[in-house]
Amino acid sequence: MTVPTTVCGVVLTGGSSRRMGRDKAFVEIDGRAMVARVADALRAGGCDVVTCQGGDRDRLAACGLDTVPDLAPGAGPAAAIVQAVDQVAWTSTDTVVIAACDLGYLTGDAVAAVIGAGRSGVAVASDGGRRHLLLAVRRDAAASVVAAGAPTGASAGGSRTSVRNLLDRVRAVPVDVGAAAVHNVNRPGDLVRSLRPE
């Protein structure tokens, strides 16, 4: 008998949103906060449980979302990825899917494609070779992701790792999901573009 495994989704909501000028997790697209749209896409793509990491806990709760604190605020997205992977209850989880809250046009199909490609380690969403902050990490790759996210340099004060370097170190498999599904909404002008997934 096969034991069911869980796919956990984590939306990264702890960024400073400097380019947006306000907390981009709550910027609305078609009347719905981006963070809620990303959480919906994670569920539609196969995540059994979705949680947010960092950000305004009260406002996220008002969106119906549970939140865990960001343990290293301001440390950057690679550190947030490491925390998400490190804090998963791997005894009952097979895969964790991590997504940035600014993927306001994310689709369940894109999430499912990344989960499917991550069956043997780490997979990352891309469009035409450009990688985006939507990745799936399997249980057997968790330790390598945590190790890859360690700061570089000889001392503990080494420079922090970039997402690009982390993905390179774990040899993340790119999955082309199309530009619309991973369009980042970083600035107010990014909302002007009419991107409506089919």
N, C-alpha and C. Protein backbone atom coordinates (compact mmCIF):
# COMPACT_ATOMS: atom_id res chain seq x y z
N MET A 1 0.85 -1.19 0.00
CA MET A 1 0.00 0.00 0.00
C MET A 1 0.89 1.25 0.00
N THR A 2 0.58 2.20 -0.88
CA THR A 2 1.35 3.43 -0.97
C THR A 2 0.85 4.43 0.06
N VAL A 3 1.77 5.02 0.78
CA VAL A 3 1.41 6.04 1.76
C VAL A 3 1.31 7.38 1.05
N PRO A 4 0.16 8.08 1.19
CA PRO A 4 0.02 9.37 0.52
C PRO A 4 1.07 10.36 1.03
N THR A 5 1.61 11.14 0.13
CA THR A 5 2.56 12.17 0.53
C THR A 5 1.95 13.54 0.32
N THR A 6 2.50 14.51 1.00
CA THR A 6 1.97 15.87 0.95
C THR A 6 2.89 16.76 0.15
N VAL A 7 2.27 17.64 -0.63
CA VAL A 7 3.00 18.70 -1.32
C VAL A 7 2.64 19.99 -0.61
N CYS A 8 3.65 20.65 -0.05
CA CYS A 8 3.45 21.90 0.68
C CYS A 8 3.82 23.08 -0.20
N GLY A 9 3.02 24.11 -0.14
CA GLY A 9 3.32 25.35 -0.85
C GLY A 9 3.70 26.44 0.14
N VAL A 10 4.70 27.22 -0.21
CA VAL A 10 5.13 28.35 0.62
C VAL A 10 5.20 29.59 -0.28
N VAL A 11 4.45 30.64 0.11
CA VAL A 11 4.51 31.91 -0.60
C VAL A 11 5.43 32.84 0.19
N LEU A 12 6.47 33.34 -0.46
CA LEU A 12 7.41 34.24 0.20
C LEU A 12 6.82 35.65 0.21
N THR A 13 6.53 36.15 1.40
CA THR A 13 5.84 37.44 1.56
C THR A 13 6.63 38.41 2.43
N GLY A 14 7.91 38.16 2.63
CA GLY A 14 8.69 38.98 3.54
C GLY A 14 9.54 40.05 2.90
N GLY A 15 9.40 40.26 1.61
CA GLY A 15 10.25 41.26 0.92
C GLY A 15 9.89 42.69 1.29
N SER A 16 10.77 43.61 0.97
CA SER A 16 10.57 45.01 1.35
C SER A 16 9.72 45.79 0.35
N SER A 17 9.52 45.29 -0.86
CA SER A 17 8.68 45.93 -1.89
C SER A 17 9.10 47.36 -2.20
N ARG A 18 10.40 47.64 -2.17
CA ARG A 18 10.88 49.01 -2.40
C ARG A 18 10.46 49.54 -3.78
N ARG A 19 10.57 48.71 -4.80
CA ARG A 19 10.24 49.18 -6.15
C ARG A 19 8.75 49.43 -6.33
N MET A 20 7.92 48.71 -5.59
CA MET A 20 6.47 48.91 -5.69
C MET A 20 6.03 50.12 -4.89
N GLY A 21 6.73 50.41 -3.78
CA GLY A 21 6.35 51.54 -2.95
C GLY A 21 5.30 51.20 -1.90
N ARG A 22 4.82 50.00 -1.90
CA ARG A 22 3.89 49.48 -0.89
C ARG A 22 3.98 47.97 -0.91
N ASP A 23 3.41 47.32 0.07
CA ASP A 23 3.54 45.87 0.19
C ASP A 23 2.89 45.20 -1.02
N LYS A 24 3.72 44.65 -1.90
CA LYS A 24 3.18 44.12 -3.16
C LYS A 24 2.35 42.86 -2.96
N ALA A 25 2.49 42.19 -1.83
CA ALA A 25 1.66 41.01 -1.58
C ALA A 25 0.18 41.35 -1.65
N PHE A 26 -0.15 42.60 -1.31
CA PHE A 26 -1.56 43.00 -1.23
C PHE A 26 -2.01 43.86 -2.40
N VAL A 27 -1.14 44.06 -3.38
CA VAL A 27 -1.55 44.74 -4.61
C VAL A 27 -2.58 43.86 -5.30
N GLU A 28 -3.66 44.46 -5.75
CA GLU A 28 -4.75 43.67 -6.33
C GLU A 28 -4.65 43.57 -7.85
N ILE A 29 -4.96 42.41 -8.34
CA ILE A 29 -5.14 42.14 -9.77
C ILE A 29 -6.54 41.56 -9.90
N ASP A 30 -7.36 42.22 -10.70
CA ASP A 30 -8.75 41.79 -10.86
C ASP A 30 -9.45 41.63 -9.51
N GLY A 31 -9.17 42.58 -8.60
CA GLY A 31 -9.88 42.61 -7.33
C GLY A 31 -9.41 41.62 -6.28
N ARG A 32 -8.29 40.96 -6.53
CA ARG A 32 -7.78 39.97 -5.57
C ARG A 32 -6.30 40.23 -5.31
N ALA A 33 -5.91 40.19 -4.03
CA ALA A 33 -4.51 40.42 -3.66
C ALA A 33 -3.60 39.40 -4.34
N MET A 34 -2.42 39.87 -4.77
CA MET A 34 -1.51 38.96 -5.46
C MET A 34 -1.18 37.74 -4.62
N VAL A 35 -0.97 37.93 -3.31
CA VAL A 35 -0.62 36.78 -2.47
C VAL A 35 -1.71 35.73 -2.49
N ALA A 36 -2.96 36.16 -2.51
CA ALA A 36 -4.08 35.21 -2.56
C ALA A 36 -4.12 34.51 -3.92
N ARG A 37 -3.81 35.24 -4.98
CA ARG A 37 -3.78 34.63 -6.32
C ARG A 37 -2.68 33.58 -6.42
N VAL A 38 -1.50 33.88 -5.84
CA VAL A 38 -0.41 32.92 -5.86
C VAL A 38 -0.78 31.68 -5.04
N ALA A 39 -1.38 31.90 -3.87
CA ALA A 39 -1.80 30.76 -3.04
C ALA A 39 -2.83 29.90 -3.78
N ASP A 40 -3.76 30.55 -4.48
CA ASP A 40 -4.76 29.81 -5.26
C ASP A 40 -4.09 28.95 -6.34
N ALA A 41 -3.10 29.53 -7.03
CA ALA A 41 -2.39 28.79 -8.09
C ALA A 41 -1.63 27.61 -7.51
N LEU A 42 -1.01 27.78 -6.33
CA LEU A 42 -0.31 26.67 -5.70
C LEU A 42 -1.28 25.53 -5.38
N ARG A 43 -2.43 25.87 -4.85
CA ARG A 43 -3.44 24.83 -4.55
C ARG A 43 -3.91 24.15 -5.83
N ALA A 44 -4.21 24.97 -6.85
CA ALA A 44 -4.70 24.42 -8.12
C ALA A 44 -3.65 23.53 -8.78
N GLY A 45 -2.38 23.81 -8.54
CA GLY A 45 -1.29 23.04 -9.14
C GLY A 45 -0.93 21.78 -8.40
N GLY A 46 -1.51 21.56 -7.21
CA GLY A 46 -1.25 20.31 -6.51
C GLY A 46 -0.77 20.43 -5.08
N CYS A 47 -0.66 21.63 -4.54
CA CYS A 47 -0.23 21.77 -3.15
C CYS A 47 -1.40 21.48 -2.21
N ASP A 48 -1.16 20.59 -1.26
CA ASP A 48 -2.20 20.23 -0.30
C ASP A 48 -2.34 21.28 0.80
N VAL A 49 -1.24 21.92 1.15
CA VAL A 49 -1.20 22.92 2.21
C VAL A 49 -0.41 24.11 1.69
N VAL A 50 -0.90 25.32 1.97
CA VAL A 50 -0.18 26.54 1.55
C VAL A 50 -0.03 27.45 2.75
N THR A 51 1.18 27.95 2.93
CA THR A 51 1.50 28.85 4.03
C THR A 51 2.29 30.03 3.48
N CYS A 52 2.25 31.15 4.16
CA CYS A 52 3.08 32.30 3.79
C CYS A 52 4.26 32.38 4.75
N GLN A 53 5.33 32.96 4.28
CA GLN A 53 6.53 33.12 5.10
C GLN A 53 6.93 34.58 5.12
N GLY A 54 6.86 35.20 6.31
CA GLY A 54 7.19 36.61 6.47
C GLY A 54 6.02 37.50 6.13
N GLY A 55 6.23 38.79 6.30
CA GLY A 55 5.20 39.76 5.94
C GLY A 55 4.25 40.09 7.07
N ASP A 56 3.17 40.76 6.71
CA ASP A 56 2.18 41.28 7.65
C ASP A 56 1.19 40.18 8.03
N ARG A 57 1.42 39.58 9.16
CA ARG A 57 0.63 38.41 9.59
C ARG A 57 -0.87 38.71 9.66
N ASP A 58 -1.23 39.88 10.19
CA ASP A 58 -2.65 40.22 10.33
C ASP A 58 -3.32 40.38 8.98
N ARG A 59 -2.66 41.07 8.06
CA ARG A 59 -3.26 41.26 6.73
C ARG A 59 -3.32 39.94 5.96
N LEU A 60 -2.32 39.09 6.14
CA LEU A 60 -2.35 37.78 5.48
C LEU A 60 -3.47 36.92 6.06
N ALA A 61 -3.67 37.00 7.37
CA ALA A 61 -4.77 36.26 8.00
C ALA A 61 -6.11 36.74 7.47
N ALA A 62 -6.23 38.04 7.21
CA ALA A 62 -7.46 38.59 6.64
C ALA A 62 -7.73 38.05 5.24
N CYS A 63 -6.66 37.60 4.57
CA CYS A 63 -6.80 36.96 3.25
C CYS A 63 -7.03 35.46 3.39
N GLY A 64 -7.13 34.98 4.63
CA GLY A 64 -7.36 33.56 4.87
C GLY A 64 -6.10 32.72 4.80
N LEU A 65 -4.93 33.35 5.02
CA LEU A 65 -3.66 32.65 4.87
C LEU A 65 -2.91 32.57 6.19
N ASP A 66 -2.37 31.39 6.48
CA ASP A 66 -1.51 31.20 7.65
C ASP A 66 -0.11 31.69 7.31
N THR A 67 0.60 32.13 8.35
CA THR A 67 1.93 32.69 8.14
C THR A 67 2.90 32.19 9.19
N VAL A 68 4.15 31.94 8.76
CA VAL A 68 5.24 31.70 9.70
C VAL A 68 6.18 32.90 9.60
N PRO A 69 6.84 33.26 10.69
CA PRO A 69 7.72 34.44 10.65
C PRO A 69 8.93 34.20 9.76
N ASP A 70 9.41 35.29 9.18
CA ASP A 70 10.67 35.27 8.44
C ASP A 70 11.78 35.33 9.48
N LEU A 71 12.61 34.31 9.55
CA LEU A 71 13.65 34.25 10.59
C LEU A 71 14.84 35.15 10.31
N ALA A 72 14.99 35.59 9.07
CA ALA A 72 16.11 36.47 8.72
C ALA A 72 15.61 37.60 7.82
N PRO A 73 14.82 38.52 8.38
CA PRO A 73 14.28 39.62 7.56
C PRO A 73 15.41 40.41 6.91
N GLY A 74 15.23 40.72 5.64
CA GLY A 74 16.23 41.49 4.92
C GLY A 74 17.40 40.70 4.40
N ALA A 75 17.43 39.39 4.64
CA ALA A 75 18.56 38.57 4.20
C ALA A 75 18.45 38.17 2.74
N GLY A 76 17.34 38.43 2.10
CA GLY A 76 17.19 38.13 0.69
C GLY A 76 16.44 36.85 0.40
N PRO A 77 16.04 36.67 -0.87
CA PRO A 77 15.21 35.53 -1.23
C PRO A 77 15.89 34.17 -1.10
N ALA A 78 17.20 34.08 -1.31
CA ALA A 78 17.86 32.78 -1.16
C ALA A 78 17.76 32.30 0.29
N ALA A 79 17.94 33.22 1.24
CA ALA A 79 17.79 32.87 2.66
C ALA A 79 16.36 32.44 2.96
N ALA A 80 15.40 33.09 2.33
CA ALA A 80 13.99 32.72 2.53
C ALA A 80 13.71 31.33 1.97
N ILE A 81 14.31 31.01 0.83
CA ILE A 81 14.16 29.66 0.25
C ILE A 81 14.72 28.62 1.22
N VAL A 82 15.91 28.89 1.74
CA VAL A 82 16.54 27.94 2.67
C VAL A 82 15.65 27.74 3.90
N GLN A 83 15.11 28.82 4.45
CA GLN A 83 14.22 28.68 5.61
C GLN A 83 13.01 27.83 5.27
N ALA A 84 12.40 28.09 4.11
CA ALA A 84 11.21 27.33 3.72
C ALA A 84 11.51 25.85 3.62
N VAL A 85 12.65 25.51 3.04
CA VAL A 85 13.04 24.11 2.89
C VAL A 85 13.40 23.50 4.24
N ASP A 86 14.09 24.26 5.05
CA ASP A 86 14.58 23.76 6.34
C ASP A 86 13.46 23.53 7.35
N GLN A 87 12.37 24.28 7.22
CA GLN A 87 11.31 24.19 8.21
C GLN A 87 10.17 23.25 7.83
N VAL A 88 10.23 22.66 6.66
CA VAL A 88 9.18 21.73 6.25
C VAL A 88 9.24 20.46 7.10
N ALA A 89 8.08 19.94 7.43
CA ALA A 89 8.00 18.67 8.16
C ALA A 89 8.18 17.54 7.14
N TRP A 90 9.43 17.19 6.85
CA TRP A 90 9.73 16.24 5.77
C TRP A 90 9.27 14.82 6.09
N THR A 91 8.93 14.53 7.34
CA THR A 91 8.44 13.19 7.65
C THR A 91 7.11 12.91 6.96
N SER A 92 6.34 13.96 6.70
CA SER A 92 5.05 13.77 6.05
C SER A 92 4.95 14.49 4.71
N THR A 93 6.02 15.10 4.27
CA THR A 93 6.01 15.89 3.04
C THR A 93 6.99 15.31 2.03
N ASP A 94 6.54 15.23 0.79
CA ASP A 94 7.39 14.74 -0.30
C ASP A 94 8.05 15.88 -1.06
N THR A 95 7.31 16.98 -1.23
CA THR A 95 7.78 18.10 -2.04
C THR A 95 7.33 19.41 -1.43
N VAL A 96 8.19 20.42 -1.48
CA VAL A 96 7.78 21.78 -1.12
C VAL A 96 7.91 22.65 -2.37
N VAL A 97 6.89 23.45 -2.60
CA VAL A 97 6.88 24.38 -3.73
C VAL A 97 6.95 25.79 -3.16
N ILE A 98 7.92 26.55 -3.61
CA ILE A 98 8.17 27.90 -3.09
C ILE A 98 7.92 28.89 -4.21
N ALA A 99 7.12 29.93 -3.91
CA ALA A 99 6.77 30.92 -4.92
C ALA A 99 6.87 32.32 -4.34
N ALA A 100 7.33 33.26 -5.15
CA ALA A 100 7.33 34.66 -4.76
C ALA A 100 5.90 35.19 -4.81
N CYS A 101 5.60 36.14 -3.92
CA CYS A 101 4.24 36.69 -3.88
C CYS A 101 3.95 37.61 -5.05
N ASP A 102 4.99 37.98 -5.83
CA ASP A 102 4.76 38.91 -6.93
C ASP A 102 4.49 38.22 -8.27
N LEU A 103 4.25 36.91 -8.24
CA LEU A 103 3.87 36.19 -9.46
C LEU A 103 2.35 36.24 -9.60
N GLY A 104 1.84 37.44 -9.80
CA GLY A 104 0.40 37.69 -9.75
C GLY A 104 -0.42 37.01 -10.83
N TYR A 105 0.22 36.51 -11.87
CA TYR A 105 -0.50 35.85 -12.97
C TYR A 105 -0.19 34.35 -13.01
N LEU A 106 0.35 33.84 -11.92
CA LEU A 106 0.73 32.42 -11.85
C LEU A 106 -0.49 31.53 -12.07
N THR A 107 -0.28 30.40 -12.74
CA THR A 107 -1.36 29.46 -13.01
C THR A 107 -1.09 28.11 -12.34
N GLY A 108 -2.16 27.39 -12.09
CA GLY A 108 -2.03 26.04 -11.56
C GLY A 108 -1.26 25.13 -12.50
N ASP A 109 -1.42 25.32 -13.80
CA ASP A 109 -0.70 24.49 -14.77
C ASP A 109 0.81 24.69 -14.66
N ALA A 110 1.23 25.93 -14.45
CA ALA A 110 2.67 26.20 -14.30
C ALA A 110 3.21 25.54 -13.04
N VAL A 111 2.45 25.63 -11.96
CA VAL A 111 2.85 24.99 -10.70
C VAL A 111 2.96 23.48 -10.88
N ALA A 112 1.95 22.89 -11.50
CA ALA A 112 1.94 21.44 -11.71
C ALA A 112 3.13 21.00 -12.56
N ALA A 113 3.49 21.81 -13.57
CA ALA A 113 4.63 21.47 -14.43
C ALA A 113 5.93 21.46 -13.63
N VAL A 114 6.09 22.43 -12.74
CA VAL A 114 7.32 22.50 -11.93
C VAL A 114 7.36 21.35 -10.93
N ILE A 115 6.21 21.03 -10.33
CA ILE A 115 6.16 19.89 -9.41
C ILE A 115 6.54 18.61 -10.15
N GLY A 116 5.98 18.42 -11.34
CA GLY A 116 6.26 17.21 -12.11
C GLY A 116 7.72 17.07 -12.49
N ALA A 117 8.37 18.19 -12.81
CA ALA A 117 9.78 18.15 -13.20
C ALA A 117 10.71 18.02 -12.00
N GLY A 118 10.19 18.30 -10.81
CA GLY A 118 11.02 18.23 -9.61
C GLY A 118 11.05 16.87 -8.97
N ARG A 119 10.59 15.86 -9.68
CA ARG A 119 10.51 14.51 -9.11
C ARG A 119 11.87 13.94 -8.74
N SER A 120 12.93 14.53 -9.26
CA SER A 120 14.25 13.98 -8.96
C SER A 120 15.20 15.04 -8.41
N GLY A 121 14.70 15.95 -7.63
CA GLY A 121 15.58 16.96 -7.04
C GLY A 121 14.93 18.31 -6.93
N VAL A 122 15.42 19.27 -7.72
CA VAL A 122 14.91 20.64 -7.68
C VAL A 122 14.57 21.07 -9.10
N ALA A 123 13.40 21.67 -9.27
CA ALA A 123 13.00 22.22 -10.56
C ALA A 123 12.62 23.68 -10.37
N VAL A 124 12.88 24.49 -11.39
CA VAL A 124 12.58 25.93 -11.30
C VAL A 124 11.87 26.38 -12.57
N ALA A 125 10.88 27.24 -12.40
CA ALA A 125 10.13 27.77 -13.54
C ALA A 125 11.01 28.71 -14.33
N SER A 126 10.86 28.66 -15.65
CA SER A 126 11.62 29.57 -16.51
C SER A 126 10.76 29.99 -17.68
N ASP A 127 11.22 31.03 -18.36
CA ASP A 127 10.62 31.39 -19.64
C ASP A 127 11.76 31.78 -20.56
N GLY A 128 11.97 31.00 -21.56
CA GLY A 128 13.03 31.26 -22.52
C GLY A 128 14.42 31.35 -21.90
N GLY A 129 14.67 30.57 -20.86
CA GLY A 129 15.98 30.56 -20.23
C GLY A 129 16.11 31.43 -19.00
N ARG A 130 15.18 32.34 -18.76
CA ARG A 130 15.21 33.18 -17.57
C ARG A 130 14.46 32.48 -16.44
N ARG A 131 15.16 32.27 -15.33
CA ARG A 131 14.55 31.55 -14.20
C ARG A 131 13.79 32.51 -13.28
N HIS A 132 12.74 31.99 -12.68
CA HIS A 132 11.87 32.79 -11.81
C HIS A 132 11.72 32.11 -10.45
N LEU A 133 11.27 32.88 -9.47
CA LEU A 133 11.19 32.35 -8.11
C LEU A 133 9.90 31.52 -7.94
N LEU A 134 9.90 30.39 -8.59
CA LEU A 134 8.89 29.34 -8.42
C LEU A 134 9.67 28.04 -8.56
N LEU A 135 9.86 27.34 -7.45
CA LEU A 135 10.63 26.12 -7.52
C LEU A 135 10.01 25.02 -6.68
N ALA A 136 10.28 23.80 -7.08
CA ALA A 136 9.84 22.62 -6.35
C ALA A 136 11.08 21.88 -5.86
N VAL A 137 11.07 21.52 -4.58
CA VAL A 137 12.19 20.82 -3.97
C VAL A 137 11.68 19.51 -3.39
N ARG A 138 12.28 18.41 -3.83
CA ARG A 138 11.94 17.09 -3.30
C ARG A 138 12.66 16.84 -1.99
N ARG A 139 12.11 15.94 -1.21
CA ARG A 139 12.68 15.59 0.09
C ARG A 139 14.16 15.23 -0.01
N ASP A 140 14.53 14.44 -1.04
CA ASP A 140 15.91 13.98 -1.14
C ASP A 140 16.89 15.09 -1.54
N ALA A 141 16.38 16.25 -1.93
CA ALA A 141 17.24 17.37 -2.31
C ALA A 141 17.27 18.46 -1.24
N ALA A 142 16.51 18.29 -0.17
CA ALA A 142 16.39 19.36 0.83
C ALA A 142 17.72 19.73 1.45
N ALA A 143 18.50 18.74 1.85
CA ALA A 143 19.78 19.03 2.50
C ALA A 143 20.72 19.78 1.58
N SER A 144 20.71 19.44 0.29
CA SER A 144 21.61 20.13 -0.64
C SER A 144 21.18 21.58 -0.85
N VAL A 145 19.88 21.85 -0.81
CA VAL A 145 19.39 23.24 -0.94
C VAL A 145 19.84 24.06 0.27
N VAL A 146 19.69 23.50 1.46
CA VAL A 146 20.10 24.21 2.67
C VAL A 146 21.61 24.49 2.64
N ALA A 147 22.40 23.50 2.23
CA ALA A 147 23.85 23.69 2.15
C ALA A 147 24.22 24.72 1.08
N ALA A 148 23.51 24.69 -0.04
CA ALA A 148 23.81 25.62 -1.14
C ALA A 148 23.49 27.06 -0.78
N GLY A 149 22.59 27.25 0.16
CA GLY A 149 22.20 28.60 0.55
C GLY A 149 23.08 29.23 1.60
N ALA A 150 24.11 28.50 2.04
CA ALA A 150 25.02 29.05 3.05
C ALA A 150 25.79 30.23 2.46
N PRO A 151 26.06 31.27 3.28
CA PRO A 151 26.82 32.42 2.77
C PRO A 151 28.18 31.98 2.22
N THR A 152 28.63 32.65 1.18
CA THR A 152 29.93 32.35 0.60
C THR A 152 31.01 33.12 1.36
N GLY A 153 32.24 32.69 1.23
CA GLY A 153 33.34 33.37 1.91
C GLY A 153 33.88 32.51 3.03
N ALA A 154 35.10 32.76 3.42
CA ALA A 154 35.77 31.93 4.42
C ALA A 154 35.21 32.10 5.82
N SER A 155 34.70 33.27 6.12
CA SER A 155 34.21 33.50 7.48
C SER A 155 32.70 33.49 7.51
N ALA A 156 32.15 33.51 8.70
CA ALA A 156 30.69 33.54 8.84
C ALA A 156 30.13 34.84 8.29
N GLY A 157 30.98 35.83 8.14
CA GLY A 157 30.53 37.11 7.60
C GLY A 157 30.62 37.17 6.09
N GLY A 158 30.70 36.03 5.42
CA GLY A 158 30.79 36.00 3.96
C GLY A 158 29.54 36.60 3.32
N SER A 159 29.63 36.88 2.04
CA SER A 159 28.50 37.51 1.35
C SER A 159 27.36 36.52 1.19
N ARG A 160 26.15 37.06 1.19
CA ARG A 160 24.99 36.19 1.09
C ARG A 160 24.87 35.61 -0.32
N THR A 161 24.25 34.47 -0.39
CA THR A 161 24.09 33.74 -1.65
C THR A 161 22.93 34.32 -2.44
N SER A 162 23.09 34.40 -3.75
CA SER A 162 21.99 34.83 -4.61
C SER A 162 21.15 33.62 -4.98
N VAL A 163 19.92 33.88 -5.40
CA VAL A 163 19.05 32.79 -5.86
C VAL A 163 19.70 32.10 -7.06
N ARG A 164 20.29 32.87 -7.95
CA ARG A 164 20.95 32.29 -9.13
C ARG A 164 22.03 31.29 -8.72
N ASN A 165 22.88 31.68 -7.77
CA ASN A 165 23.94 30.79 -7.32
C ASN A 165 23.38 29.55 -6.63
N LEU A 166 22.35 29.74 -5.82
CA LEU A 166 21.74 28.59 -5.15
C LEU A 166 21.21 27.59 -6.17
N LEU A 167 20.49 28.10 -7.18
CA LEU A 167 19.93 27.21 -8.20
C LEU A 167 21.02 26.52 -9.00
N ASP A 168 22.10 27.24 -9.28
CA ASP A 168 23.23 26.62 -9.99
C ASP A 168 23.85 25.50 -9.16
N ARG A 169 24.04 25.75 -7.88
CA ARG A 169 24.70 24.78 -7.01
C ARG A 169 23.91 23.48 -6.88
N VAL A 170 22.58 23.58 -6.90
CA VAL A 170 21.77 22.36 -6.76
C VAL A 170 21.35 21.79 -8.11
N ARG A 171 21.84 22.43 -9.19
CA ARG A 171 21.54 21.97 -10.55
C ARG A 171 20.04 21.86 -10.79
N ALA A 172 19.35 22.94 -10.46
CA ALA A 172 17.90 22.97 -10.65
C ALA A 172 17.54 22.79 -12.12
N VAL A 173 16.56 21.96 -12.37
CA VAL A 173 16.09 21.68 -13.73
C VAL A 173 15.13 22.78 -14.15
N PRO A 174 15.42 23.51 -15.23
CA PRO A 174 14.50 24.56 -15.68
C PRO A 174 13.28 23.97 -16.38
N VAL A 175 12.13 24.56 -16.10
CA VAL A 175 10.87 24.12 -16.71
C VAL A 175 10.25 25.34 -17.37
N ASP A 176 10.17 25.35 -18.70
CA ASP A 176 9.60 26.50 -19.39
C ASP A 176 8.08 26.50 -19.24
N VAL A 177 7.58 27.49 -18.54
CA VAL A 177 6.13 27.57 -18.28
C VAL A 177 5.48 28.73 -19.03
N GLY A 178 6.27 29.46 -19.82
CA GLY A 178 5.74 30.60 -20.56
C GLY A 178 5.86 31.88 -19.76
N ALA A 179 6.04 32.99 -20.47
CA ALA A 179 6.30 34.27 -19.80
C ALA A 179 5.12 34.77 -18.99
N ALA A 180 3.91 34.59 -19.47
CA ALA A 180 2.74 35.16 -18.78
C ALA A 180 2.57 34.58 -17.38
N ALA A 181 2.82 33.29 -17.23
CA ALA A 181 2.58 32.63 -15.94
C ALA A 181 3.56 33.07 -14.87
N VAL A 182 4.72 33.56 -15.26
CA VAL A 182 5.74 33.96 -14.28
C VAL A 182 6.11 35.44 -14.44
N HIS A 183 5.17 36.23 -14.93
CA HIS A 183 5.39 37.68 -15.04
C HIS A 183 5.48 38.28 -13.65
N ASN A 184 6.62 38.91 -13.33
CA ASN A 184 6.80 39.52 -12.01
C ASN A 184 6.15 40.90 -11.97
N VAL A 185 5.44 41.16 -10.90
CA VAL A 185 4.85 42.48 -10.68
C VAL A 185 5.67 43.15 -9.58
N ASN A 186 6.72 43.84 -9.98
CA ASN A 186 7.63 44.49 -9.04
C ASN A 186 7.38 45.98 -8.88
N ARG A 187 6.86 46.60 -9.94
CA ARG A 187 6.63 48.04 -9.96
C ARG A 187 5.19 48.30 -10.37
N PRO A 188 4.66 49.49 -10.03
CA PRO A 188 3.28 49.79 -10.45
C PRO A 188 3.08 49.63 -11.96
N GLY A 189 4.09 49.97 -12.76
CA GLY A 189 3.97 49.86 -14.21
C GLY A 189 3.81 48.43 -14.71
N ASP A 190 4.23 47.46 -13.90
CA ASP A 190 4.10 46.06 -14.30
C ASP A 190 2.65 45.62 -14.36
N LEU A 191 1.77 46.37 -13.70
CA LEU A 191 0.34 46.04 -13.72
C LEU A 191 -0.35 46.59 -14.95
N VAL A 192 0.28 47.51 -15.65
CA VAL A 192 -0.34 48.12 -16.81
C VAL A 192 -0.47 47.12 -17.95
N ARG A 193 0.51 46.24 -18.03
CA ARG A 193 0.49 45.24 -19.09
C ARG A 193 -0.72 44.33 -18.93
N SER A 194 -1.40 44.09 -20.02
CA SER A 194 -2.58 43.23 -19.97
C SER A 194 -2.16 41.80 -20.17
N LEU A 195 -1.93 41.12 -19.06
CA LEU A 195 -1.55 39.71 -19.11
C LEU A 195 -2.65 38.90 -18.47
N ARG A 196 -3.35 38.18 -19.26
CA ARG A 196 -4.41 37.33 -18.73
C ARG A 196 -4.13 35.91 -19.18
N PRO A 197 -3.75 35.02 -18.26
CA PRO A 197 -3.49 33.64 -18.66
C PRO A 197 -4.71 33.05 -19.36
N GLU A 198 -4.43 32.22 -20.34
CA GLU A 198 -5.53 31.57 -21.10
C GLU A 198 -6.33 30.65 -20.18
